[in-house]
Amino acid sequence: MTCIKITVSLPDSLFHAVESLACSLNLSRSRLVSLALEEFIRRQENQRLLESINAAYADGPDPEEQVLLDAMARSQRELVEGEWEN
């Protein structure tokens, strides 16, 4: 894997937190920052995917889907009819 060096400015408190965590996890600062960025990117991608899925279903079922849903609900009611009575 090819690595590229970059320079990043961090507030003192964040630098010390990174330094402390990297030491406790026995990782280099570079590896810890790489892991954190990978996780951040993964979360952003998942959020975009979730937003796309929500947008696709935001308008509810179309008429054909609603007919199928209604038929499935009727069928389910017929299957369990009388099952819960004493």
N, C-alpha and C. Protein backbone atom coordinates (compact mmCIF):
# COMPACT_ATOMS: atom_id res chain seq x y z
N MET A 1 0.85 -1.16 0.00
CA MET A 1 0.00 0.00 0.00
C MET A 1 0.90 1.23 0.00
N THR A 2 0.62 2.14 -0.89
CA THR A 2 1.36 3.39 -0.95
C THR A 2 0.83 4.35 0.10
N CYS A 3 1.73 4.99 0.82
CA CYS A 3 1.33 5.96 1.83
C CYS A 3 1.78 7.35 1.40
N ILE A 4 0.97 8.33 1.72
CA ILE A 4 1.28 9.72 1.42
C ILE A 4 1.32 10.47 2.74
N LYS A 5 2.38 11.21 2.94
CA LYS A 5 2.49 12.01 4.15
C LYS A 5 1.71 13.30 3.99
N ILE A 6 1.02 13.69 5.06
CA ILE A 6 0.30 14.95 5.07
C ILE A 6 0.63 15.67 6.38
N THR A 7 0.37 16.95 6.39
CA THR A 7 0.53 17.72 7.61
C THR A 7 -0.85 18.16 8.06
N VAL A 8 -1.15 17.91 9.32
CA VAL A 8 -2.46 18.25 9.87
C VAL A 8 -2.25 19.07 11.13
N SER A 9 -2.98 20.14 11.25
CA SER A 9 -2.93 20.94 12.47
C SER A 9 -4.06 20.53 13.39
N LEU A 10 -3.73 20.27 14.65
CA LEU A 10 -4.72 19.85 15.65
C LEU A 10 -4.62 20.77 16.86
N PRO A 11 -5.74 21.00 17.52
CA PRO A 11 -5.67 21.70 18.79
C PRO A 11 -4.85 20.86 19.78
N ASP A 12 -4.17 21.53 20.70
CA ASP A 12 -3.33 20.83 21.67
C ASP A 12 -4.06 19.70 22.37
N SER A 13 -5.28 19.98 22.82
CA SER A 13 -6.02 18.97 23.57
C SER A 13 -6.30 17.73 22.73
N LEU A 14 -6.63 17.92 21.47
CA LEU A 14 -6.88 16.77 20.60
C LEU A 14 -5.59 16.00 20.34
N PHE A 15 -4.50 16.71 20.11
CA PHE A 15 -3.22 16.05 19.89
C PHE A 15 -2.87 15.17 21.09
N HIS A 16 -3.02 15.72 22.31
CA HIS A 16 -2.68 14.95 23.50
C HIS A 16 -3.61 13.75 23.68
N ALA A 17 -4.88 13.90 23.32
CA ALA A 17 -5.81 12.76 23.39
C ALA A 17 -5.40 11.68 22.39
N VAL A 18 -5.01 12.08 21.19
CA VAL A 18 -4.56 11.12 20.18
C VAL A 18 -3.30 10.43 20.65
N GLU A 19 -2.37 11.20 21.15
CA GLU A 19 -1.11 10.65 21.64
C GLU A 19 -1.36 9.63 22.75
N SER A 20 -2.21 9.96 23.69
CA SER A 20 -2.52 9.08 24.81
C SER A 20 -3.20 7.80 24.34
N LEU A 21 -4.21 7.95 23.47
CA LEU A 21 -4.94 6.77 22.99
C LEU A 21 -4.05 5.88 22.14
N ALA A 22 -3.25 6.47 21.28
CA ALA A 22 -2.35 5.67 20.44
C ALA A 22 -1.39 4.87 21.32
N CYS A 23 -0.88 5.50 22.36
CA CYS A 23 0.04 4.82 23.27
C CYS A 23 -0.67 3.66 23.98
N SER A 24 -1.88 3.93 24.48
CA SER A 24 -2.60 2.88 25.21
C SER A 24 -3.02 1.72 24.31
N LEU A 25 -3.23 1.99 23.03
CA LEU A 25 -3.61 0.93 22.08
C LEU A 25 -2.40 0.31 21.38
N ASN A 26 -1.22 0.83 21.72
CA ASN A 26 0.02 0.38 21.11
C ASN A 26 0.00 0.55 19.59
N LEU A 27 -0.49 1.72 19.17
CA LEU A 27 -0.54 2.08 17.75
C LEU A 27 0.27 3.34 17.53
N SER A 28 0.71 3.52 16.31
CA SER A 28 1.33 4.80 15.97
C SER A 28 0.23 5.85 15.83
N ARG A 29 0.59 7.11 15.99
CA ARG A 29 -0.40 8.17 15.77
C ARG A 29 -0.96 8.09 14.36
N SER A 30 -0.11 7.83 13.39
CA SER A 30 -0.56 7.73 12.00
C SER A 30 -1.60 6.64 11.82
N ARG A 31 -1.36 5.49 12.45
CA ARG A 31 -2.31 4.38 12.32
C ARG A 31 -3.63 4.73 13.00
N LEU A 32 -3.56 5.35 14.17
CA LEU A 32 -4.78 5.73 14.86
C LEU A 32 -5.59 6.74 14.05
N VAL A 33 -4.91 7.73 13.48
CA VAL A 33 -5.61 8.72 12.66
C VAL A 33 -6.19 8.06 11.42
N SER A 34 -5.46 7.14 10.81
CA SER A 34 -5.98 6.42 9.64
C SER A 34 -7.24 5.63 9.99
N LEU A 35 -7.20 4.93 11.12
CA LEU A 35 -8.38 4.17 11.56
C LEU A 35 -9.56 5.09 11.82
N ALA A 36 -9.30 6.22 12.46
CA ALA A 36 -10.38 7.16 12.76
C ALA A 36 -10.99 7.72 11.47
N LEU A 37 -10.15 8.06 10.51
CA LEU A 37 -10.66 8.58 9.24
C LEU A 37 -11.44 7.52 8.48
N GLU A 38 -10.95 6.28 8.48
CA GLU A 38 -11.68 5.20 7.81
C GLU A 38 -13.07 5.04 8.42
N GLU A 39 -13.15 5.07 9.75
CA GLU A 39 -14.43 4.93 10.44
C GLU A 39 -15.35 6.10 10.12
N PHE A 40 -14.81 7.30 10.10
CA PHE A 40 -15.61 8.49 9.79
C PHE A 40 -16.17 8.40 8.36
N ILE A 41 -15.32 8.00 7.43
CA ILE A 41 -15.76 7.87 6.03
C ILE A 41 -16.82 6.79 5.90
N ARG A 42 -16.64 5.66 6.58
CA ARG A 42 -17.62 4.57 6.55
C ARG A 42 -18.97 5.05 7.09
N ARG A 43 -18.95 5.81 8.18
CA ARG A 43 -20.20 6.33 8.76
C ARG A 43 -20.88 7.30 7.81
N GLN A 44 -20.11 8.14 7.14
CA GLN A 44 -20.69 9.08 6.19
C GLN A 44 -21.33 8.34 5.01
N GLU A 45 -20.65 7.31 4.51
CA GLU A 45 -21.21 6.51 3.41
C GLU A 45 -22.50 5.82 3.86
N ASN A 46 -22.51 5.27 5.06
CA ASN A 46 -23.71 4.62 5.58
C ASN A 46 -24.86 5.61 5.75
N GLN A 47 -24.54 6.82 6.20
CA GLN A 47 -25.56 7.85 6.36
C GLN A 47 -26.17 8.23 5.01
N ARG A 48 -25.32 8.39 4.00
CA ARG A 48 -25.82 8.70 2.65
C ARG A 48 -26.70 7.58 2.11
N LEU A 49 -26.29 6.33 2.36
CA LEU A 49 -27.08 5.18 1.92
C LEU A 49 -28.43 5.17 2.62
N LEU A 50 -28.43 5.41 3.92
CA LEU A 50 -29.68 5.44 4.68
C LEU A 50 -30.60 6.56 4.17
N GLU A 51 -30.03 7.71 3.89
CA GLU A 51 -30.84 8.82 3.35
C GLU A 51 -31.43 8.46 2.00
N SER A 52 -30.67 7.76 1.16
CA SER A 52 -31.18 7.33 -0.14
C SER A 52 -32.32 6.33 0.02
N ILE A 53 -32.16 5.39 0.93
CA ILE A 53 -33.21 4.40 1.18
C ILE A 53 -34.46 5.08 1.72
N ASN A 54 -34.29 5.98 2.69
CA ASN A 54 -35.43 6.70 3.25
C ASN A 54 -36.14 7.52 2.18
N ALA A 55 -35.39 8.15 1.29
CA ALA A 55 -36.00 8.94 0.22
C ALA A 55 -36.80 8.05 -0.73
N ALA A 56 -36.29 6.85 -0.98
CA ALA A 56 -36.98 5.93 -1.90
C ALA A 56 -38.32 5.47 -1.32
N TYR A 57 -38.41 5.37 0.00
CA TYR A 57 -39.63 4.89 0.63
C TYR A 57 -40.48 6.00 1.24
N ALA A 58 -40.06 7.23 1.07
CA ALA A 58 -40.74 8.36 1.73
C ALA A 58 -42.16 8.57 1.23
N ASP A 59 -42.42 8.24 -0.01
CA ASP A 59 -43.75 8.51 -0.58
C ASP A 59 -44.74 7.38 -0.33
N GLY A 60 -44.33 6.32 0.37
CA GLY A 60 -45.24 5.22 0.66
C GLY A 60 -45.40 4.30 -0.54
N PRO A 61 -46.21 3.27 -0.37
CA PRO A 61 -46.39 2.30 -1.46
C PRO A 61 -47.19 2.90 -2.62
N ASP A 62 -46.85 2.45 -3.83
CA ASP A 62 -47.65 2.88 -4.98
C ASP A 62 -48.95 2.07 -4.98
N PRO A 63 -49.91 2.41 -5.84
CA PRO A 63 -51.22 1.71 -5.81
C PRO A 63 -51.13 0.19 -5.95
N GLU A 64 -50.25 -0.29 -6.82
CA GLU A 64 -50.11 -1.75 -6.98
C GLU A 64 -49.58 -2.39 -5.70
N GLU A 65 -48.61 -1.75 -5.07
CA GLU A 65 -48.07 -2.28 -3.82
C GLU A 65 -49.14 -2.27 -2.73
N GLN A 66 -49.95 -1.23 -2.68
CA GLN A 66 -50.99 -1.14 -1.67
C GLN A 66 -52.02 -2.25 -1.83
N VAL A 67 -52.37 -2.58 -3.07
CA VAL A 67 -53.30 -3.69 -3.31
C VAL A 67 -52.70 -4.98 -2.76
N LEU A 68 -51.41 -5.22 -3.02
CA LEU A 68 -50.75 -6.42 -2.51
C LEU A 68 -50.70 -6.42 -0.98
N LEU A 69 -50.39 -5.28 -0.39
CA LEU A 69 -50.33 -5.19 1.07
C LEU A 69 -51.70 -5.47 1.69
N ASP A 70 -52.74 -4.91 1.09
CA ASP A 70 -54.09 -5.15 1.60
C ASP A 70 -54.46 -6.62 1.49
N ALA A 71 -54.11 -7.25 0.37
CA ALA A 71 -54.41 -8.68 0.18
C ALA A 71 -53.64 -9.53 1.19
N MET A 72 -52.40 -9.18 1.43
CA MET A 72 -51.61 -9.93 2.42
C MET A 72 -52.20 -9.78 3.81
N ALA A 73 -52.64 -8.59 4.15
CA ALA A 73 -53.24 -8.36 5.47
C ALA A 73 -54.53 -9.18 5.62
N ARG A 74 -55.38 -9.20 4.57
CA ARG A 74 -56.61 -10.01 4.62
C ARG A 74 -56.28 -11.48 4.79
N SER A 75 -55.31 -11.95 4.02
CA SER A 75 -54.91 -13.35 4.08
C SER A 75 -54.39 -13.72 5.47
N GLN A 76 -53.60 -12.85 6.04
CA GLN A 76 -53.07 -13.09 7.39
C GLN A 76 -54.20 -13.14 8.42
N ARG A 77 -55.15 -12.21 8.30
CA ARG A 77 -56.29 -12.21 9.23
C ARG A 77 -57.07 -13.51 9.11
N GLU A 78 -57.28 -13.99 7.88
CA GLU A 78 -58.02 -15.23 7.68
C GLU A 78 -57.27 -16.43 8.27
N LEU A 79 -55.96 -16.41 8.16
CA LEU A 79 -55.16 -17.52 8.70
C LEU A 79 -55.24 -17.61 10.21
N VAL A 80 -55.27 -16.48 10.87
CA VAL A 80 -55.24 -16.51 12.34
C VAL A 80 -56.61 -16.32 12.94
N GLU A 81 -57.63 -16.16 12.12
CA GLU A 81 -58.98 -15.95 12.63
C GLU A 81 -59.36 -17.10 13.55
N GLY A 82 -59.80 -16.79 14.76
CA GLY A 82 -60.21 -17.81 15.71
C GLY A 82 -59.06 -18.43 16.49
N GLU A 83 -57.82 -18.15 16.12
CA GLU A 83 -56.66 -18.73 16.80
C GLU A 83 -56.53 -18.22 18.23
N TRP A 84 -56.98 -17.01 18.50
CA TRP A 84 -56.74 -16.37 19.79
C TRP A 84 -57.96 -16.43 20.72
N GLU A 85 -58.99 -17.09 20.27
CA GLU A 85 -60.19 -17.19 21.10
C GLU A 85 -60.06 -18.40 22.02
N ASN A 86 -60.71 -18.30 23.18
CA ASN A 86 -60.68 -19.43 24.15
C ASN A 86 -61.63 -20.50 23.76
